[in-house]
mmCIF file of all heavy atoms, coordinates in Angstrom:
data_MODEL
# 
_entry.id   MODEL 
# 
loop_
_atom_site.group_PDB 
_atom_site.id 
_atom_site.type_symbol 
_atom_site.label_atom_id 
_atom_site.label_alt_id 
_atom_site.label_comp_id 
_atom_site.label_asym_id 
_atom_site.label_entity_id 
_atom_site.label_seq_id 
_atom_site.pdbx_PDB_ins_code 
_atom_site.Cartn_x 
_atom_site.Cartn_y 
_atom_site.Cartn_z 
_atom_site.occupancy 
_atom_site.B_iso_or_equiv 
_atom_site.pdbx_formal_charge 
_atom_site.auth_seq_id 
_atom_site.auth_comp_id 
_atom_site.auth_asym_id 
_atom_site.auth_atom_id 
_atom_site.pdbx_PDB_model_num 
ATOM 1   N N   . ILE A 1 1  ? 76.928 75.906 25.879 1.00 0.00 ? 1  ILE A N   1 
ATOM 2   C CA  . ILE A 1 1  ? 76.501 74.573 26.313 1.00 0.00 ? 1  ILE A CA  1 
ATOM 3   C C   . ILE A 1 1  ? 77.704 73.792 26.799 1.00 0.00 ? 1  ILE A C   1 
ATOM 4   O O   . ILE A 1 1  ? 78.740 73.717 26.131 1.00 0.00 ? 1  ILE A O   1 
ATOM 5   C CB  . ILE A 1 1  ? 75.794 73.812 25.171 1.00 0.00 ? 1  ILE A CB  1 
ATOM 6   C CG1 . ILE A 1 1  ? 74.435 74.440 24.848 1.00 0.00 ? 1  ILE A CG1 1 
ATOM 7   C CG2 . ILE A 1 1  ? 75.566 72.356 25.554 1.00 0.00 ? 1  ILE A CG2 1 
ATOM 8   C CD1 . ILE A 1 1  ? 74.491 75.497 23.806 1.00 0.00 ? 1  ILE A CD1 1 
ATOM 9   N N   . VAL A 1 2  ? 77.569 73.199 27.961 1.00 0.00 ? 2  VAL A N   1 
ATOM 10  C CA  . VAL A 1 2  ? 78.610 72.343 28.539 1.00 0.00 ? 2  VAL A CA  1 
ATOM 11  C C   . VAL A 1 2  ? 78.039 70.934 28.645 1.00 0.00 ? 2  VAL A C   1 
ATOM 12  O O   . VAL A 1 2  ? 76.980 70.718 29.226 1.00 0.00 ? 2  VAL A O   1 
ATOM 13  C CB  . VAL A 1 2  ? 79.044 72.851 29.918 1.00 0.00 ? 2  VAL A CB  1 
ATOM 14  C CG1 . VAL A 1 2  ? 80.052 71.900 30.545 1.00 0.00 ? 2  VAL A CG1 1 
ATOM 15  C CG2 . VAL A 1 2  ? 79.619 74.272 29.822 1.00 0.00 ? 2  VAL A CG2 1 
ATOM 16  N N   . ALA A 1 3  ? 78.732 69.977 28.031 1.00 0.00 ? 3  ALA A N   1 
ATOM 17  C CA  . ALA A 1 3  ? 78.260 68.595 28.006 1.00 0.00 ? 3  ALA A CA  1 
ATOM 18  C C   . ALA A 1 3  ? 79.306 67.681 28.640 1.00 0.00 ? 3  ALA A C   1 
ATOM 19  O O   . ALA A 1 3  ? 80.423 67.563 28.113 1.00 0.00 ? 3  ALA A O   1 
ATOM 20  C CB  . ALA A 1 3  ? 77.970 68.152 26.576 1.00 0.00 ? 3  ALA A CB  1 
ATOM 21  N N   . PRO A 1 4  ? 78.991 67.055 29.759 1.00 0.00 ? 4  PRO A N   1 
ATOM 22  C CA  . PRO A 1 4  ? 79.982 66.202 30.445 1.00 0.00 ? 4  PRO A CA  1 
ATOM 23  C C   . PRO A 1 4  ? 80.004 64.767 29.898 1.00 0.00 ? 4  PRO A C   1 
ATOM 24  O O   . PRO A 1 4  ? 78.993 64.226 29.485 1.00 0.00 ? 4  PRO A O   1 
ATOM 25  C CB  . PRO A 1 4  ? 79.503 66.224 31.892 1.00 0.00 ? 4  PRO A CB  1 
ATOM 26  C CG  . PRO A 1 4  ? 78.009 66.368 31.795 1.00 0.00 ? 4  PRO A CG  1 
ATOM 27  C CD  . PRO A 1 4  ? 77.762 67.199 30.564 1.00 0.00 ? 4  PRO A CD  1 
ATOM 28  N N   . ASP A 1 5  ? 81.172 64.163 29.970 1.00 0.00 ? 5  ASP A N   1 
ATOM 29  C CA  . ASP A 1 5  ? 81.337 62.746 29.645 1.00 0.00 ? 5  ASP A CA  1 
ATOM 30  C C   . ASP A 1 5  ? 81.152 61.977 30.962 1.00 0.00 ? 5  ASP A C   1 
ATOM 31  O O   . ASP A 1 5  ? 82.074 61.376 31.491 1.00 0.00 ? 5  ASP A O   1 
ATOM 32  C CB  . ASP A 1 5  ? 82.733 62.528 29.080 1.00 0.00 ? 5  ASP A CB  1 
ATOM 33  C CG  . ASP A 1 5  ? 82.879 61.169 28.418 1.00 0.00 ? 5  ASP A CG  1 
ATOM 34  O OD1 . ASP A 1 5  ? 81.852 60.464 28.295 1.00 0.00 ? 5  ASP A OD1 1 
ATOM 35  O OD2 . ASP A 1 5  ? 84.009 60.801 28.049 1.00 0.00 ? 5  ASP A OD2 1 
ATOM 36  N N   . TYR A 1 6  ? 79.900 62.028 31.463 1.00 0.00 ? 6  TYR A N   1 
ATOM 37  C CA  . TYR A 1 6  ? 79.622 61.448 32.758 1.00 0.00 ? 6  TYR A CA  1 
ATOM 38  C C   . TYR A 1 6  ? 79.810 59.927 32.746 1.00 0.00 ? 6  TYR A C   1 
ATOM 39  O O   . TYR A 1 6  ? 79.677 59.278 31.710 1.00 0.00 ? 6  TYR A O   1 
ATOM 40  C CB  . TYR A 1 6  ? 78.212 61.806 33.241 1.00 0.00 ? 6  TYR A CB  1 
ATOM 41  C CG  . TYR A 1 6  ? 77.068 61.305 32.366 1.00 0.00 ? 6  TYR A CG  1 
ATOM 42  C CD1 . TYR A 1 6  ? 76.583 60.005 32.468 1.00 0.00 ? 6  TYR A CD1 1 
ATOM 43  C CD2 . TYR A 1 6  ? 76.453 62.137 31.444 1.00 0.00 ? 6  TYR A CD2 1 
ATOM 44  C CE1 . TYR A 1 6  ? 75.546 59.539 31.692 1.00 0.00 ? 6  TYR A CE1 1 
ATOM 45  C CE2 . TYR A 1 6  ? 75.394 61.697 30.650 1.00 0.00 ? 6  TYR A CE2 1 
ATOM 46  C CZ  . TYR A 1 6  ? 74.948 60.394 30.786 1.00 0.00 ? 6  TYR A CZ  1 
ATOM 47  O OH  . TYR A 1 6  ? 73.911 59.926 30.015 1.00 0.00 ? 6  TYR A OH  1 
ATOM 48  N N   . ARG A 1 7  ? 80.114 59.368 33.898 1.00 0.00 ? 7  ARG A N   1 
ATOM 49  C CA  . ARG A 1 7  ? 80.351 57.914 34.002 1.00 0.00 ? 7  ARG A CA  1 
ATOM 50  C C   . ARG A 1 7  ? 79.095 57.147 33.702 1.00 0.00 ? 7  ARG A C   1 
ATOM 51  O O   . ARG A 1 7  ? 77.989 57.503 34.142 1.00 0.00 ? 7  ARG A O   1 
ATOM 52  C CB  . ARG A 1 7  ? 80.894 57.577 35.388 1.00 0.00 ? 7  ARG A CB  1 
ATOM 53  C CG  . ARG A 1 7  ? 82.334 57.968 35.623 1.00 0.00 ? 7  ARG A CG  1 
ATOM 54  C CD  . ARG A 1 7  ? 82.756 57.795 37.054 1.00 0.00 ? 7  ARG A CD  1 
ATOM 55  N NE  . ARG A 1 7  ? 82.121 58.805 37.936 1.00 0.00 ? 7  ARG A NE  1 
ATOM 56  C CZ  . ARG A 1 7  ? 82.329 58.869 39.248 1.00 0.00 ? 7  ARG A CZ  1 
ATOM 57  N NH1 . ARG A 1 7  ? 83.134 57.986 39.837 1.00 0.00 ? 7  ARG A NH1 1 
ATOM 58  N NH2 . ARG A 1 7  ? 81.730 59.797 39.965 1.00 0.00 ? 7  ARG A NH2 1 
ATOM 59  N N   . LEU A 1 8  ? 79.240 56.070 32.948 1.00 0.00 ? 8  LEU A N   1 
ATOM 60  C CA  . LEU A 1 8  ? 78.108 55.246 32.528 1.00 0.00 ? 8  LEU A CA  1 
ATOM 61  C C   . LEU A 1 8  ? 77.898 54.093 33.499 1.00 0.00 ? 8  LEU A C   1 
ATOM 62  O O   . LEU A 1 8  ? 78.835 53.585 34.114 1.00 0.00 ? 8  LEU A O   1 
ATOM 63  C CB  . LEU A 1 8  ? 78.352 54.727 31.111 1.00 0.00 ? 8  LEU A CB  1 
ATOM 64  C CG  . LEU A 1 8  ? 78.581 55.811 30.058 1.00 0.00 ? 8  LEU A CG  1 
ATOM 65  C CD1 . LEU A 1 8  ? 78.992 55.204 28.729 1.00 0.00 ? 8  LEU A CD1 1 
ATOM 66  C CD2 . LEU A 1 8  ? 77.346 56.701 29.897 1.00 0.00 ? 8  LEU A CD2 1 
ATOM 67  N N   . SER A 1 9  ? 76.651 53.660 33.601 1.00 0.00 ? 9  SER A N   1 
ATOM 68  C CA  . SER A 1 9  ? 76.268 52.719 34.666 1.00 0.00 ? 9  SER A CA  1 
ATOM 69  C C   . SER A 1 9  ? 76.859 51.326 34.485 1.00 0.00 ? 9  SER A C   1 
ATOM 70  O O   . SER A 1 9  ? 76.952 50.570 35.446 1.00 0.00 ? 9  SER A O   1 
ATOM 71  C CB  . SER A 1 9  ? 74.736 52.613 34.733 1.00 0.00 ? 9  SER A CB  1 
ATOM 72  O OG  . SER A 1 9  ? 74.211 52.099 33.521 1.00 0.00 ? 9  SER A OG  1 
ATOM 73  N N   . VAL A 1 10 ? 77.251 50.970 33.262 1.00 0.00 ? 10 VAL A N   1 
ATOM 74  C CA  . VAL A 1 10 ? 77.830 49.643 33.050 1.00 0.00 ? 10 VAL A CA  1 
ATOM 75  C C   . VAL A 1 10 ? 79.113 49.469 33.877 1.00 0.00 ? 10 VAL A C   1 
ATOM 76  O O   . VAL A 1 10 ? 79.340 48.412 34.460 1.00 0.00 ? 10 VAL A O   1 
ATOM 77  C CB  . VAL A 1 10 ? 78.131 49.427 31.553 1.00 0.00 ? 10 VAL A CB  1 
ATOM 78  C CG1 . VAL A 1 10 ? 78.841 48.106 31.334 1.00 0.00 ? 10 VAL A CG1 1 
ATOM 79  C CG2 . VAL A 1 10 ? 76.841 49.440 30.739 1.00 0.00 ? 10 VAL A CG2 1 
ATOM 80  N N   . LYS A 1 11 ? 79.904 50.522 33.941 1.00 0.00 ? 11 LYS A N   1 
ATOM 81  C CA  . LYS A 1 11 ? 81.151 50.460 34.712 1.00 0.00 ? 11 LYS A CA  1 
ATOM 82  C C   . LYS A 1 11 ? 81.014 51.117 36.079 1.00 0.00 ? 11 LYS A C   1 
ATOM 83  O O   . LYS A 1 11 ? 81.675 50.701 37.036 1.00 0.00 ? 11 LYS A O   1 
ATOM 84  C CB  . LYS A 1 11 ? 82.281 51.133 33.921 1.00 0.00 ? 11 LYS A CB  1 
ATOM 85  C CG  . LYS A 1 11 ? 82.705 50.388 32.679 1.00 0.00 ? 11 LYS A CG  1 
ATOM 86  C CD  . LYS A 1 11 ? 83.880 51.076 32.026 1.00 0.00 ? 11 LYS A CD  1 
ATOM 87  C CE  . LYS A 1 11 ? 84.360 50.307 30.793 1.00 0.00 ? 11 LYS A CE  1 
ATOM 88  N NZ  . LYS A 1 11 ? 85.507 51.007 30.118 1.00 0.00 ? 11 LYS A NZ  1 
ATOM 89  N N   . SER A 1 12 ? 80.191 52.153 36.152 1.00 0.00 ? 12 SER A N   1 
ATOM 90  C CA  . SER A 1 12 ? 80.098 52.917 37.408 1.00 0.00 ? 12 SER A CA  1 
ATOM 91  C C   . SER A 1 12 ? 78.621 53.143 37.749 1.00 0.00 ? 12 SER A C   1 
ATOM 92  O O   . SER A 1 12 ? 78.015 54.100 37.267 1.00 0.00 ? 12 SER A O   1 
ATOM 93  C CB  . SER A 1 12 ? 80.802 54.272 37.267 1.00 0.00 ? 12 SER A CB  1 
ATOM 94  O OG  . SER A 1 12 ? 82.148 54.098 36.881 1.00 0.00 ? 12 SER A OG  1 
ATOM 95  N N   . PRO A 1 13 ? 78.039 52.253 38.558 1.00 0.00 ? 13 PRO A N   1 
ATOM 96  C CA  . PRO A 1 13 ? 76.606 52.369 38.890 1.00 0.00 ? 13 PRO A CA  1 
ATOM 97  C C   . PRO A 1 13 ? 76.267 53.668 39.605 1.00 0.00 ? 13 PRO A C   1 
ATOM 98  O O   . PRO A 1 13 ? 77.149 54.384 40.104 1.00 0.00 ? 13 PRO A O   1 
ATOM 99  C CB  . PRO A 1 13 ? 76.369 51.143 39.780 1.00 0.00 ? 13 PRO A CB  1 
ATOM 100 C CG  . PRO A 1 13 ? 77.483 50.200 39.489 1.00 0.00 ? 13 PRO A CG  1 
ATOM 101 C CD  . PRO A 1 13 ? 78.658 51.083 39.161 1.00 0.00 ? 13 PRO A CD  1 
ATOM 102 N N   . TYR A 1 14 ? 74.957 53.939 39.666 1.00 0.00 ? 14 TYR A N   1 
ATOM 103 C CA  . TYR A 1 14 ? 74.433 55.089 40.403 1.00 0.00 ? 14 TYR A CA  1 
ATOM 104 C C   . TYR A 1 14 ? 75.032 55.124 41.806 1.00 0.00 ? 14 TYR A C   1 
ATOM 105 O O   . TYR A 1 14 ? 75.230 54.072 42.405 1.00 0.00 ? 14 TYR A O   1 
ATOM 106 C CB  . TYR A 1 14 ? 72.908 54.936 40.498 1.00 0.00 ? 14 TYR A CB  1 
ATOM 107 C CG  . TYR A 1 14 ? 72.220 55.945 41.390 1.00 0.00 ? 14 TYR A CG  1 
ATOM 108 C CD1 . TYR A 1 14 ? 71.825 57.169 40.892 1.00 0.00 ? 14 TYR A CD1 1 
ATOM 109 C CD2 . TYR A 1 14 ? 72.002 55.664 42.743 1.00 0.00 ? 14 TYR A CD2 1 
ATOM 110 C CE1 . TYR A 1 14 ? 71.214 58.106 41.715 1.00 0.00 ? 14 TYR A CE1 1 
ATOM 111 C CE2 . TYR A 1 14 ? 71.397 56.591 43.568 1.00 0.00 ? 14 TYR A CE2 1 
ATOM 112 C CZ  . TYR A 1 14 ? 71.009 57.805 43.061 1.00 0.00 ? 14 TYR A CZ  1 
ATOM 113 O OH  . TYR A 1 14 ? 70.421 58.718 43.873 1.00 0.00 ? 14 TYR A OH  1 
ATOM 114 N N   . PRO A 1 15 ? 75.402 56.304 42.295 1.00 0.00 ? 15 PRO A N   1 
ATOM 115 C CA  . PRO A 1 15 ? 75.121 57.651 41.767 1.00 0.00 ? 15 PRO A CA  1 
ATOM 116 C C   . PRO A 1 15 ? 76.271 58.289 40.999 1.00 0.00 ? 15 PRO A C   1 
ATOM 117 O O   . PRO A 1 15 ? 76.358 59.514 40.946 1.00 0.00 ? 15 PRO A O   1 
ATOM 118 C CB  . PRO A 1 15 ? 74.841 58.430 43.045 1.00 0.00 ? 15 PRO A CB  1 
ATOM 119 C CG  . PRO A 1 15 ? 75.797 57.834 44.038 1.00 0.00 ? 15 PRO A CG  1 
ATOM 120 C CD  . PRO A 1 15 ? 75.887 56.363 43.694 1.00 0.00 ? 15 PRO A CD  1 
ATOM 121 N N   . ALA A 1 16 ? 77.172 57.492 40.420 1.00 0.00 ? 16 ALA A N   1 
ATOM 122 C CA  . ALA A 1 16 ? 78.392 58.041 39.788 1.00 0.00 ? 16 ALA A CA  1 
ATOM 123 C C   . ALA A 1 16 ? 78.066 59.076 38.719 1.00 0.00 ? 16 ALA A C   1 
ATOM 124 O O   . ALA A 1 16 ? 78.632 60.163 38.701 1.00 0.00 ? 16 ALA A O   1 
ATOM 125 C CB  . ALA A 1 16 ? 79.218 56.904 39.199 1.00 0.00 ? 16 ALA A CB  1 
ATOM 126 N N   . GLY A 1 17 ? 77.141 58.734 37.810 1.00 0.00 ? 17 GLY A N   1 
ATOM 127 C CA  . GLY A 1 17 ? 76.792 59.667 36.739 1.00 0.00 ? 17 GLY A CA  1 
ATOM 128 C C   . GLY A 1 17 ? 76.191 60.954 37.247 1.00 0.00 ? 17 GLY A C   1 
ATOM 129 O O   . GLY A 1 17 ? 76.530 62.050 36.795 1.00 0.00 ? 17 GLY A O   1 
ATOM 130 N N   . LEU A 1 18 ? 75.295 60.844 38.219 1.00 0.00 ? 18 LEU A N   1 
ATOM 131 C CA  . LEU A 1 18 ? 74.671 62.014 38.822 1.00 0.00 ? 18 LEU A CA  1 
ATOM 132 C C   . LEU A 1 18 ? 75.719 62.891 39.515 1.00 0.00 ? 18 LEU A C   1 
ATOM 133 O O   . LEU A 1 18 ? 75.694 64.123 39.400 1.00 0.00 ? 18 LEU A O   1 
ATOM 134 C CB  . LEU A 1 18 ? 73.601 61.580 39.802 1.00 0.00 ? 18 LEU A CB  1 
ATOM 135 C CG  . LEU A 1 18 ? 72.892 62.686 40.602 1.00 0.00 ? 18 LEU A CG  1 
ATOM 136 C CD1 . LEU A 1 18 ? 72.166 63.640 39.665 1.00 0.00 ? 18 LEU A CD1 1 
ATOM 137 C CD2 . LEU A 1 18 ? 71.915 62.066 41.610 1.00 0.00 ? 18 LEU A CD2 1 
ATOM 138 N N   . GLU A 1 19 ? 76.638 62.279 40.219 1.00 0.00 ? 19 GLU A N   1 
ATOM 139 C CA  . GLU A 1 19 ? 77.679 63.037 40.913 1.00 0.00 ? 19 GLU A CA  1 
ATOM 140 C C   . GLU A 1 19 ? 78.567 63.778 39.918 1.00 0.00 ? 19 GLU A C   1 
ATOM 141 O O   . GLU A 1 19 ? 78.988 64.914 40.161 1.00 0.00 ? 19 GLU A O   1 
ATOM 142 C CB  . GLU A 1 19 ? 78.517 62.091 41.785 1.00 0.00 ? 19 GLU A CB  1 
ATOM 143 C CG  . GLU A 1 19 ? 77.756 61.551 42.992 1.00 0.00 ? 19 GLU A CG  1 
ATOM 144 C CD  . GLU A 1 19 ? 78.536 60.507 43.766 1.00 0.00 ? 19 GLU A CD  1 
ATOM 145 O OE1 . GLU A 1 19 ? 79.519 59.969 43.225 1.00 0.00 ? 19 GLU A OE1 1 
ATOM 146 O OE2 . GLU A 1 19 ? 78.153 60.223 44.922 1.00 0.00 ? 19 GLU A OE2 1 
ATOM 147 N N   . ASP A 1 20 ? 78.851 63.144 38.779 1.00 0.00 ? 20 ASP A N   1 
ATOM 148 C CA  . ASP A 1 20 ? 79.643 63.827 37.733 1.00 0.00 ? 20 ASP A CA  1 
ATOM 149 C C   . ASP A 1 20 ? 78.917 65.057 37.236 1.00 0.00 ? 20 ASP A C   1 
ATOM 150 O O   . ASP A 1 20 ? 79.513 66.121 37.062 1.00 0.00 ? 20 ASP A O   1 
ATOM 151 C CB  . ASP A 1 20 ? 79.900 62.865 36.571 1.00 0.00 ? 20 ASP A CB  1 
ATOM 152 C CG  . ASP A 1 20 ? 81.002 61.861 36.853 1.00 0.00 ? 20 ASP A CG  1 
ATOM 153 O OD1 . ASP A 1 20 ? 81.670 61.986 37.912 1.00 0.00 ? 20 ASP A OD1 1 
ATOM 154 O OD2 . ASP A 1 20 ? 81.192 60.944 36.033 1.00 0.00 ? 20 ASP A OD2 1 
ATOM 155 N N   . CYS A 1 21 ? 77.621 64.919 36.977 1.00 0.00 ? 21 CYS A N   1 
ATOM 156 C CA  . CYS A 1 21 ? 76.835 66.050 36.486 1.00 0.00 ? 21 CYS A CA  1 
ATOM 157 C C   . CYS A 1 21 ? 76.832 67.197 37.502 1.00 0.00 ? 21 CYS A C   1 
ATOM 158 O O   . CYS A 1 21 ? 76.926 68.372 37.120 1.00 0.00 ? 21 CYS A O   1 
ATOM 159 C CB  . CYS A 1 21 ? 75.400 65.605 36.170 1.00 0.00 ? 21 CYS A CB  1 
ATOM 160 S SG  . CYS A 1 21 ? 75.291 64.358 34.854 1.00 0.00 ? 21 CYS A SG  1 
ATOM 161 N N   . TYR A 1 22 ? 76.754 66.841 38.763 1.00 0.00 ? 22 TYR A N   1 
ATOM 162 C CA  . TYR A 1 22 ? 76.746 67.877 39.807 1.00 0.00 ? 22 TYR A CA  1 
ATOM 163 C C   . TYR A 1 22 ? 78.111 68.567 39.893 1.00 0.00 ? 22 TYR A C   1 
ATOM 164 O O   . TYR A 1 22 ? 78.189 69.797 40.058 1.00 0.00 ? 22 TYR A O   1 
ATOM 165 C CB  . TYR A 1 22 ? 76.391 67.258 41.145 1.00 0.00 ? 22 TYR A CB  1 
ATOM 166 C CG  . TYR A 1 22 ? 76.222 68.271 42.260 1.00 0.00 ? 22 TYR A CG  1 
ATOM 167 C CD1 . TYR A 1 22 ? 75.179 69.185 42.226 1.00 0.00 ? 22 TYR A CD1 1 
ATOM 168 C CD2 . TYR A 1 22 ? 77.108 68.317 43.322 1.00 0.00 ? 22 TYR A CD2 1 
ATOM 169 C CE1 . TYR A 1 22 ? 75.025 70.125 43.234 1.00 0.00 ? 22 TYR A CE1 1 
ATOM 170 C CE2 . TYR A 1 22 ? 76.954 69.234 44.341 1.00 0.00 ? 22 TYR A CE2 1 
ATOM 171 C CZ  . TYR A 1 22 ? 75.924 70.145 44.288 1.00 0.00 ? 22 TYR A CZ  1 
ATOM 172 O OH  . TYR A 1 22 ? 75.775 71.089 45.293 1.00 0.00 ? 22 TYR A OH  1 
ATOM 173 N N   . GLU A 1 23 ? 79.189 67.798 39.758 1.00 0.00 ? 23 GLU A N   1 
ATOM 174 C CA  . GLU A 1 23 ? 80.517 68.377 39.754 1.00 0.00 ? 23 GLU A CA  1 
ATOM 175 C C   . GLU A 1 23 ? 80.673 69.412 38.630 1.00 0.00 ? 23 GLU A C   1 
ATOM 176 O O   . GLU A 1 23 ? 81.237 70.485 38.818 1.00 0.00 ? 23 GLU A O   1 
ATOM 177 C CB  . GLU A 1 23 ? 81.582 67.280 39.584 1.00 0.00 ? 23 GLU A CB  1 
ATOM 178 C CG  . GLU A 1 23 ? 81.775 66.387 40.779 1.00 0.00 ? 23 GLU A CG  1 
ATOM 179 C CD  . GLU A 1 23 ? 82.578 67.034 41.892 1.00 0.00 ? 23 GLU A CD  1 
ATOM 180 O OE1 . GLU A 1 23 ? 83.147 68.125 41.671 1.00 0.00 ? 23 GLU A OE1 1 
ATOM 181 O OE2 . GLU A 1 23 ? 82.624 66.463 42.985 1.00 0.00 ? 23 GLU A OE2 1 
ATOM 182 N N   . VAL A 1 24 ? 80.123 69.080 37.467 1.00 0.00 ? 24 VAL A N   1 
ATOM 183 C CA  . VAL A 1 24 ? 80.239 69.987 36.311 1.00 0.00 ? 24 VAL A CA  1 
ATOM 184 C C   . VAL A 1 24 ? 79.358 71.224 36.522 1.00 0.00 ? 24 VAL A C   1 
ATOM 185 O O   . VAL A 1 24 ? 79.751 72.335 36.142 1.00 0.00 ? 24 VAL A O   1 
ATOM 186 C CB  . VAL A 1 24 ? 79.881 69.255 35.006 1.00 0.00 ? 24 VAL A CB  1 
ATOM 187 C CG1 . VAL A 1 24 ? 79.947 70.223 33.815 1.00 0.00 ? 24 VAL A CG1 1 
ATOM 188 C CG2 . VAL A 1 24 ? 80.817 68.081 34.776 1.00 0.00 ? 24 VAL A CG2 1 
ATOM 189 N N   . LEU A 1 25 ? 78.201 71.042 37.130 1.00 0.00 ? 25 LEU A N   1 
ATOM 190 C CA  . LEU A 1 25 ? 77.340 72.199 37.404 1.00 0.00 ? 25 LEU A CA  1 
ATOM 191 C C   . LEU A 1 25 ? 78.068 73.184 38.345 1.00 0.00 ? 25 LEU A C   1 
ATOM 192 O O   . LEU A 1 25 ? 78.061 74.401 38.091 1.00 0.00 ? 25 LEU A O   1 
ATOM 193 C CB  . LEU A 1 25 ? 76.040 71.734 38.055 1.00 0.00 ? 25 LEU A CB  1 
ATOM 194 C CG  . LEU A 1 25 ? 75.059 72.852 38.430 1.00 0.00 ? 25 LEU A CG  1 
ATOM 195 C CD1 . LEU A 1 25 ? 74.426 73.451 37.170 1.00 0.00 ? 25 LEU A CD1 1 
ATOM 196 C CD2 . LEU A 1 25 ? 73.960 72.317 39.359 1.00 0.00 ? 25 LEU A CD2 1 
ATOM 197 N N   . LEU A 1 26 ? 78.703 72.674 39.387 1.00 0.00 ? 26 LEU A N   1 
ATOM 198 C CA  . LEU A 1 26 ? 79.445 73.545 40.290 1.00 0.00 ? 26 LEU A CA  1 
ATOM 199 C C   . LEU A 1 26 ? 80.628 74.183 39.585 1.00 0.00 ? 26 LEU A C   1 
ATOM 200 O O   . LEU A 1 26 ? 80.961 75.352 39.831 1.00 0.00 ? 26 LEU A O   1 
ATOM 201 C CB  . LEU A 1 26 ? 79.939 72.738 41.508 1.00 0.00 ? 26 LEU A CB  1 
ATOM 202 C CG  . LEU A 1 26 ? 78.862 72.203 42.460 1.00 0.00 ? 26 LEU A CG  1 
ATOM 203 C CD1 . LEU A 1 26 ? 79.530 71.495 43.647 1.00 0.00 ? 26 LEU A CD1 1 
ATOM 204 C CD2 . LEU A 1 26 ? 77.957 73.338 42.976 1.00 0.00 ? 26 LEU A CD2 1 
ATOM 205 N N   . TRP A 1 27 ? 81.272 73.430 38.701 1.00 0.00 ? 27 TRP A N   1 
ATOM 206 C CA  . TRP A 1 27 ? 82.387 73.978 37.917 1.00 0.00 ? 27 TRP A CA  1 
ATOM 207 C C   . TRP A 1 27 ? 81.904 75.128 37.054 1.00 0.00 ? 27 TRP A C   1 
ATOM 208 O O   . TRP A 1 27 ? 82.585 76.166 36.933 1.00 0.00 ? 27 TRP A O   1 
ATOM 209 C CB  . TRP A 1 27 ? 83.010 72.861 37.074 1.00 0.00 ? 27 TRP A CB  1 
ATOM 210 C CG  . TRP A 1 27 ? 84.157 73.324 36.214 1.00 0.00 ? 27 TRP A CG  1 
ATOM 211 C CD1 . TRP A 1 27 ? 85.456 73.431 36.588 1.00 0.00 ? 27 TRP A CD1 1 
ATOM 212 C CD2 . TRP A 1 27 ? 84.105 73.758 34.861 1.00 0.00 ? 27 TRP A CD2 1 
ATOM 213 N NE1 . TRP A 1 27 ? 86.218 73.895 35.554 1.00 0.00 ? 27 TRP A NE1 1 
ATOM 214 C CE2 . TRP A 1 27 ? 85.402 74.101 34.475 1.00 0.00 ? 27 TRP A CE2 1 
ATOM 215 C CE3 . TRP A 1 27 ? 83.065 73.883 33.922 1.00 0.00 ? 27 TRP A CE3 1 
ATOM 216 C CZ2 . TRP A 1 27 ? 85.731 74.561 33.190 1.00 0.00 ? 27 TRP A CZ2 1 
ATOM 217 C CZ3 . TRP A 1 27 ? 83.364 74.349 32.653 1.00 0.00 ? 27 TRP A CZ3 1 
ATOM 218 C CH2 . TRP A 1 27 ? 84.686 74.679 32.286 1.00 0.00 ? 27 TRP A CH2 1 
ATOM 219 N N   . MET A 1 28 ? 80.737 74.972 36.437 1.00 0.00 ? 28 MET A N   1 
ATOM 220 C CA  . MET A 1 28 ? 80.167 76.057 35.626 1.00 0.00 ? 28 MET A CA  1 
ATOM 221 C C   . MET A 1 28 ? 79.914 77.294 36.477 1.00 0.00 ? 28 MET A C   1 
ATOM 222 O O   . MET A 1 28 ? 80.217 78.427 36.066 1.00 0.00 ? 28 MET A O   1 
ATOM 223 C CB  . MET A 1 28 ? 78.848 75.598 34.970 1.00 0.00 ? 28 MET A CB  1 
ATOM 224 C CG  . MET A 1 28 ? 79.038 74.586 33.865 1.00 0.00 ? 28 MET A CG  1 
ATOM 225 S SD  . MET A 1 28 ? 77.442 73.970 33.255 1.00 0.00 ? 28 MET A SD  1 
ATOM 226 C CE  . MET A 1 28 ? 76.723 75.454 32.524 1.00 0.00 ? 28 MET A CE  1 
ATOM 227 N N   . LYS A 1 29 ? 79.364 77.087 37.658 1.00 0.00 ? 29 LYS A N   1 
ATOM 228 C CA  . LYS A 1 29 ? 79.077 78.217 38.546 1.00 0.00 ? 29 LYS A CA  1 
ATOM 229 C C   . LYS A 1 29 ? 80.372 78.927 38.943 1.00 0.00 ? 29 LYS A C   1 
ATOM 230 O O   . LYS A 1 29 ? 80.460 80.163 38.908 1.00 0.00 ? 29 LYS A O   1 
ATOM 231 C CB  . LYS A 1 29 ? 78.360 77.714 39.797 1.00 0.00 ? 29 LYS A CB  1 
ATOM 232 C CG  . LYS A 1 29 ? 78.084 78.815 40.825 1.00 0.00 ? 29 LYS A CG  1 
ATOM 233 C CD  . LYS A 1 29 ? 77.544 78.255 42.124 1.00 0.00 ? 29 LYS A CD  1 
ATOM 234 C CE  . LYS A 1 29 ? 77.426 79.352 43.183 1.00 0.00 ? 29 LYS A CE  1 
ATOM 235 N NZ  . LYS A 1 29 ? 76.978 78.818 44.478 1.00 0.00 ? 29 LYS A NZ  1 
# 
């Protein structure tokens, strides 16, 4: 299991968190 410390919306609004998750998915691949 890989769990990212994705950016939270209070400091970094959408799509920052989603982009972080995608970066980690590609890193896993």
